[in-house]
Amino acid sequence: MNETSTETRSVVVEREIPYPPEKIWRALTQPHLIEEWLMKNDFKPAVGHRFNLRGDWGGVLDCEVLAVEPNRTLSYTWNFAHDDAAYNLKSVVTFTLTPTSSGTQPAHGAVGLPAGSEAGLRGRQGGVAEVHRPTRNSAGETVMAEAATKSIVVERVIPHAPEKIWRALTQAPMIAEWLMKNDFKAVVGHKFRFHATPKPGWKGYTNCEVLEVDEPRKLVYSWGDGTESDSGLKTIVTWTLTTAAGGTLVRMEQSGFKPADEGGFKAMGGGWPRILGALERATGMFP
């Protein structure tokens, strides 16, 4: 396999809108409505249709429809060619509509943003996923809490098969090579700890519990139970492995950062890209 790796990042934004999926779908797929909230376009909801988004600023984005599931999912490429690598973007945008008790919660994701496209990333919530979750006020009404929680999403193509990367994610001695000492077991309900040197505001360990195991595709565990740090950090880490050209697309999402966790959010946001690099190196160390 190709020994080069490509790191990409994703942006995910969710917002509850008080309309049914069918009405929001029309706004996502009818050109004159798309123009009202996005850009001029020649969009058609047909897989394989190529179209342009034309901004008032003079730029033109080249797009192609990848998936259409009426009232549920819409996916298309979002490419912008530019001589400056900071603005040269090749990504995929996916809209997912989920009915809720008071309307619809659309999730918008921009996936595959190159690590070098910093200007484009800043235009998309700074290169990390900022997820808005609905909450309830004192009257029991559903409202949007501004930036109630945030998520970190980092993706990297690693030149190894999913099965080999899975071993690096789930075997305790291998995890210690790229992350921390641990007593991990790939069993749902297993409680374990990550151990490292204590730091101000952190006791030197993180209590975790395995929540989901789908070998060799998906691994989910809690990260923190609120007792190990001054901020009371409690998050969820999700690993997803997808076969890709050149190896495996490894996607890590750490979700559930509250406003009080801003320090941890910034620290982990800068740390996870390095950790995925260490995961790649560790994976290559073992047969």
Protein backbone atom coordinates (compact mmCIF):
# COMPACT_ATOMS: atom_id res chain seq x y z
CA MET A 1 0.00 0.00 0.00
CA ASN A 2 1.03 3.57 -0.46
CA GLU A 3 3.07 4.64 2.56
CA THR A 4 1.84 8.23 2.46
CA SER A 5 -1.07 9.32 4.63
CA THR A 6 -3.54 12.12 4.18
CA GLU A 7 -5.04 13.85 7.18
CA THR A 8 -8.42 15.48 6.73
CA ARG A 9 -10.82 17.17 9.11
CA SER A 10 -14.57 17.47 9.25
CA VAL A 11 -17.03 20.10 10.38
CA VAL A 12 -20.44 19.10 11.78
CA VAL A 13 -23.19 21.55 12.68
CA GLU A 14 -26.65 20.61 13.96
CA ARG A 15 -29.66 22.85 14.50
CA GLU A 16 -33.30 22.09 15.23
CA ILE A 17 -35.66 23.85 12.79
CA PRO A 18 -39.43 24.05 13.50
CA TYR A 19 -40.54 22.63 10.13
CA PRO A 20 -41.13 19.08 8.84
CA PRO A 21 -38.38 17.33 6.83
CA GLU A 22 -40.39 17.65 3.61
CA LYS A 23 -40.38 21.46 3.79
CA ILE A 24 -36.67 21.68 4.63
CA TRP A 25 -35.94 19.22 1.81
CA ARG A 26 -37.47 21.64 -0.69
CA ALA A 27 -35.19 24.42 0.60
CA LEU A 28 -32.20 22.09 0.15
CA THR A 29 -33.05 20.92 -3.36
CA GLN A 30 -34.95 23.62 -5.29
CA PRO A 31 -32.50 26.01 -7.03
CA HIS A 32 -34.46 29.21 -6.39
CA LEU A 33 -34.73 28.35 -2.69
CA ILE A 34 -31.05 27.34 -2.43
CA GLU A 35 -30.16 30.76 -3.82
CA GLU A 36 -32.03 32.41 -0.93
CA TRP A 37 -29.79 30.86 1.74
CA LEU A 38 -26.61 29.78 -0.05
CA MET A 39 -25.60 30.77 -3.61
CA LYS A 40 -26.81 30.93 -7.20
CA ASN A 41 -26.80 27.45 -8.67
CA ASP A 42 -28.04 24.95 -11.27
CA PHE A 43 -28.70 22.16 -8.79
CA LYS A 44 -30.82 19.07 -9.52
CA PRO A 45 -31.42 16.30 -6.93
CA ALA A 46 -30.14 13.52 -9.22
CA VAL A 47 -27.14 11.34 -8.45
CA GLY A 48 -24.31 12.15 -10.85
CA HIS A 49 -25.63 15.62 -11.72
CA ARG A 50 -22.81 18.15 -11.91
CA PHE A 51 -23.58 21.71 -10.90
CA ASN A 52 -21.99 24.99 -9.85
CA LEU A 53 -22.46 27.21 -6.84
CA ARG A 54 -21.69 30.82 -7.80
CA GLY A 55 -20.87 33.26 -5.04
CA ASP A 56 -21.42 37.02 -5.13
CA TRP A 57 -17.69 37.28 -4.37
CA GLY A 58 -16.93 35.89 -7.85
CA GLY A 59 -15.94 32.36 -6.86
CA VAL A 60 -17.40 29.24 -8.46
CA LEU A 61 -17.59 25.87 -6.71
CA ASP A 62 -17.69 22.66 -8.76
CA CYS A 63 -20.05 20.09 -7.28
CA GLU A 64 -21.51 16.67 -8.07
CA VAL A 65 -24.50 14.99 -6.41
CA LEU A 66 -23.42 11.76 -4.68
CA ALA A 67 -26.50 10.60 -2.75
CA VAL A 68 -30.20 11.51 -2.71
CA GLU A 69 -32.67 10.04 -0.23
CA PRO A 70 -35.68 12.38 -0.30
CA ASN A 71 -36.50 14.02 3.03
CA ARG A 72 -33.57 12.23 4.70
CA THR A 73 -30.09 12.55 3.17
CA LEU A 74 -28.43 14.71 0.52
CA SER A 75 -24.72 14.51 -0.28
CA TYR A 76 -22.57 16.31 -2.86
CA THR A 77 -18.95 17.24 -3.50
CA TRP A 78 -17.87 20.79 -2.66
CA ASN A 79 -14.73 21.68 -4.60
CA PHE A 80 -13.05 25.04 -5.08
CA ALA A 81 -9.86 25.27 -7.14
CA HIS A 82 -7.40 27.96 -6.06
CA ASP A 83 -3.68 28.54 -6.62
CA ASP A 84 -3.25 29.17 -2.89
CA ALA A 85 -3.32 25.81 -1.06
CA ALA A 86 -4.98 27.50 1.91
CA TYR A 87 -8.08 28.09 -0.21
CA ASN A 88 -7.92 25.02 -2.47
CA LEU A 89 -10.73 22.77 -1.21
CA LYS A 90 -11.95 19.29 -2.09
CA SER A 91 -14.61 18.05 0.29
CA VAL A 92 -18.01 16.39 0.58
CA VAL A 93 -21.09 18.02 2.10
CA THR A 94 -23.82 15.85 3.61
CA PHE A 95 -27.20 17.01 4.93
CA THR A 96 -29.14 14.60 7.15
CA LEU A 97 -32.71 15.36 8.28
CA THR A 98 -34.06 13.75 11.46
CA PRO A 99 -37.64 14.40 12.68
CA THR A 100 -37.94 15.65 16.27
CA SER A 101 -40.87 16.36 18.57
CA SER A 102 -40.91 20.03 17.52
CA GLY A 103 -39.66 19.96 13.94
CA THR A 104 -36.52 18.64 12.26
CA GLN A 105 -32.88 18.49 13.28
CA PRO A 106 -30.73 18.87 10.16
CA ALA A 107 -27.09 17.86 10.52
CA HIS A 108 -24.65 19.43 8.06
CA GLY A 109 -21.20 17.92 7.64
CA ALA A 110 -18.29 19.04 5.51
CA VAL A 111 -15.92 16.06 5.29
CA GLY A 112 -12.47 15.65 3.79
CA LEU A 113 -11.09 19.14 4.35
CA PRO A 114 -7.30 18.91 3.92
CA ALA A 115 -5.22 19.83 6.93
CA GLY A 116 -3.50 22.49 4.82
CA SER A 117 -6.73 24.26 3.90
CA GLU A 118 -6.70 26.43 7.00
CA ALA A 119 -8.53 29.38 5.44
CA GLY A 120 -11.34 27.14 4.29
CA LEU A 121 -11.44 25.46 7.67
CA ARG A 122 -11.80 28.78 9.46
CA GLY A 123 -14.79 29.46 7.27
CA ARG A 124 -16.29 26.22 8.52
CA GLN A 125 -16.17 26.62 12.30
CA GLY A 126 -12.39 26.49 12.64
CA GLY A 127 -11.84 22.91 11.48
CA VAL A 128 -13.52 21.22 14.43
CA ALA A 129 -17.13 20.22 14.72
CA GLU A 130 -19.25 22.65 16.71
CA VAL A 131 -22.51 20.86 17.45
CA HIS A 132 -25.57 22.74 18.71
CA ARG A 133 -27.86 20.54 20.81
CA PRO A 134 -31.47 21.39 21.66
CA THR A 135 -32.24 21.83 25.36
CA ARG A 136 -35.36 22.64 27.37
CA ASN A 137 -36.07 25.84 29.29
CA SER A 138 -37.84 26.13 32.66
CA ALA A 139 -41.23 25.98 30.90
CA GLY A 140 -40.33 22.70 29.25
CA GLU A 141 -40.06 24.25 25.79
CA THR A 142 -37.40 23.02 23.38
CA VAL A 143 -34.86 25.76 22.67
CA MET A 144 -31.43 25.93 21.07
CA ALA A 145 -28.56 26.40 23.51
CA GLU A 146 -25.86 28.35 21.71
CA ALA A 147 -22.82 26.06 21.37
CA ALA A 148 -24.18 23.84 24.19
CA THR A 149 -21.67 21.14 23.28
CA LYS A 150 -18.79 20.87 20.85
CA SER A 151 -17.08 17.96 19.13
CA ILE A 152 -13.60 17.40 17.76
CA VAL A 153 -13.45 15.44 14.50
CA VAL A 154 -10.16 14.38 12.91
CA GLU A 155 -9.78 12.07 9.90
CA ARG A 156 -6.65 10.47 8.48
CA VAL A 157 -6.06 7.93 5.72
CA ILE A 158 -3.67 5.32 7.15
CA PRO A 159 -1.92 2.89 4.74
CA HIS A 160 -3.01 -0.29 6.52
CA ALA A 161 -6.04 -2.58 6.42
CA PRO A 162 -8.94 -1.94 8.86
CA GLU A 163 -8.22 -5.22 10.65
CA LYS A 164 -4.65 -4.16 11.44
CA ILE A 165 -5.69 -0.71 12.68
CA TRP A 166 -8.45 -2.35 14.75
CA ARG A 167 -5.79 -4.32 16.65
CA ALA A 168 -3.94 -1.08 17.41
CA LEU A 169 -7.18 0.43 18.70
CA THR A 170 -8.22 -2.50 20.88
CA GLN A 171 -5.16 -4.35 22.23
CA ALA A 172 -3.96 -2.77 25.46
CA PRO A 173 -0.18 -3.09 24.80
CA MET A 174 -0.61 -1.51 21.36
CA ILE A 175 -2.80 1.30 22.72
CA ALA A 176 -0.02 2.13 25.17
CA GLU A 177 2.34 2.70 22.22
CA TRP A 178 0.29 5.54 20.70
CA LEU A 179 -1.99 6.85 23.45
CA MET A 180 -1.63 5.94 27.15
CA LYS A 181 -1.16 3.01 29.51
CA ASN A 182 -4.50 1.28 30.00
CA ASP A 183 -6.47 -1.82 30.93
CA PHE A 184 -8.74 -1.75 27.89
CA LYS A 185 -10.82 -4.71 26.68
CA ALA A 186 -13.04 -4.61 23.61
CA VAL A 187 -16.14 -5.69 25.51
CA VAL A 188 -19.28 -3.56 25.83
CA GLY A 189 -19.70 -2.46 29.44
CA HIS A 190 -16.03 -2.93 30.35
CA LYS A 191 -14.75 -0.09 32.53
CA PHE A 192 -11.10 0.87 32.13
CA ARG A 193 -8.61 3.67 32.75
CA PHE A 194 -6.05 5.60 30.75
CA HIS A 195 -2.99 6.53 32.87
CA ALA A 196 -0.46 9.32 32.34
CA THR A 197 1.50 11.92 34.32
CA PRO A 198 -0.81 14.15 36.44
CA LYS A 199 -1.12 17.80 35.43
CA PRO A 200 -2.68 20.85 37.11
CA GLY A 201 -6.43 20.32 36.96
CA TRP A 202 -6.14 16.62 35.98
CA LYS A 203 -5.42 13.68 38.31
CA GLY A 204 -3.39 11.70 35.77
CA TYR A 205 -6.03 9.16 34.80
CA THR A 206 -9.24 9.07 32.78
CA ASN A 207 -12.12 6.73 33.64
CA CYS A 208 -13.78 5.18 30.59
CA GLU A 209 -16.40 2.61 29.64
CA VAL A 210 -16.80 0.69 26.38
CA LEU A 211 -20.16 1.58 24.79
CA GLU A 212 -20.07 -0.07 21.36
CA VAL A 213 -17.89 -2.61 19.56
CA ASP A 214 -18.38 -3.40 15.85
CA GLU A 215 -15.17 -5.13 14.70
CA PRO A 216 -13.39 -3.89 12.61
CA ARG A 217 -15.57 -0.90 11.82
CA LYS A 218 -16.59 1.07 14.89
CA LEU A 219 -15.48 1.50 18.51
CA VAL A 220 -17.14 3.83 21.02
CA TYR A 221 -16.23 4.54 24.65
CA SER A 222 -16.84 7.22 27.23
CA TRP A 223 -13.89 9.49 28.05
CA GLY A 224 -14.09 10.83 31.59
CA ASP A 225 -16.74 10.46 34.28
CA GLY A 226 -16.43 13.98 35.69
CA THR A 227 -14.24 13.10 38.67
CA GLU A 228 -10.75 13.27 37.17
CA SER A 229 -10.53 16.94 36.16
CA ASP A 230 -11.44 20.32 37.59
CA SER A 231 -13.88 20.95 34.72
CA GLY A 232 -15.75 17.67 35.28
CA LEU A 233 -15.07 16.54 31.71
CA LYS A 234 -17.43 13.85 30.38
CA THR A 235 -17.17 13.09 26.65
CA ILE A 236 -17.61 10.25 24.15
CA VAL A 237 -14.90 9.03 21.75
CA THR A 238 -16.00 7.30 18.55
CA TRP A 239 -13.61 5.57 16.15
CA THR A 240 -14.86 4.67 12.66
CA LEU A 241 -12.81 2.71 10.12
CA THR A 242 -13.74 2.80 6.42
CA THR A 243 -11.82 1.17 3.58
CA ALA A 244 -10.40 3.85 1.30
CA ALA A 245 -7.99 4.25 -1.60
CA GLY A 246 -4.51 3.84 -0.13
CA GLY A 247 -5.62 2.09 3.06
CA THR A 248 -8.24 2.98 5.67
CA LEU A 249 -9.99 6.25 6.49
CA VAL A 250 -9.76 6.55 10.28
CA ARG A 251 -12.29 8.96 11.79
CA MET A 252 -12.05 10.02 15.43
CA GLU A 253 -14.81 12.09 17.04
CA GLN A 254 -14.70 13.26 20.64
CA SER A 255 -18.11 14.72 21.46
CA GLY A 256 -19.83 16.34 24.43
CA PHE A 257 -17.52 19.25 25.33
CA LYS A 258 -19.45 21.79 27.43
CA PRO A 259 -18.56 25.50 27.76
CA ALA A 260 -16.75 24.69 31.04
CA ASP A 261 -14.54 22.25 29.10
CA GLU A 262 -13.04 24.91 26.82
CA GLY A 263 -9.52 24.26 28.08
CA GLY A 264 -9.79 20.54 27.40
CA PHE A 265 -11.46 21.22 24.05
CA LYS A 266 -8.54 23.38 22.90
CA ALA A 267 -5.92 20.98 24.25
CA MET A 268 -7.48 17.87 22.72
CA GLY A 269 -8.25 19.71 19.47
CA GLY A 270 -4.54 20.31 19.04
CA GLY A 271 -3.56 16.90 20.37
CA TRP A 272 -5.70 14.49 18.34
CA PRO A 273 -3.99 15.10 14.97
CA ARG A 274 -0.67 14.18 16.60
CA ILE A 275 -2.27 11.18 18.28
CA LEU A 276 -3.55 9.85 14.94
CA GLY A 277 -0.05 10.22 13.57
CA ALA A 278 1.23 8.16 16.50
CA LEU A 279 -1.52 5.57 15.84
CA GLU A 280 -0.29 5.22 12.27
CA ARG A 281 3.30 4.73 13.39
CA ALA A 282 2.30 2.19 16.05
CA THR A 283 0.16 0.27 13.59
CA GLY A 284 3.17 -0.12 11.32
CA MET A 285 5.30 -1.48 14.20
CA PHE A 286 3.25 -4.67 14.53
CA PRO A 287 2.62 -7.52 12.09
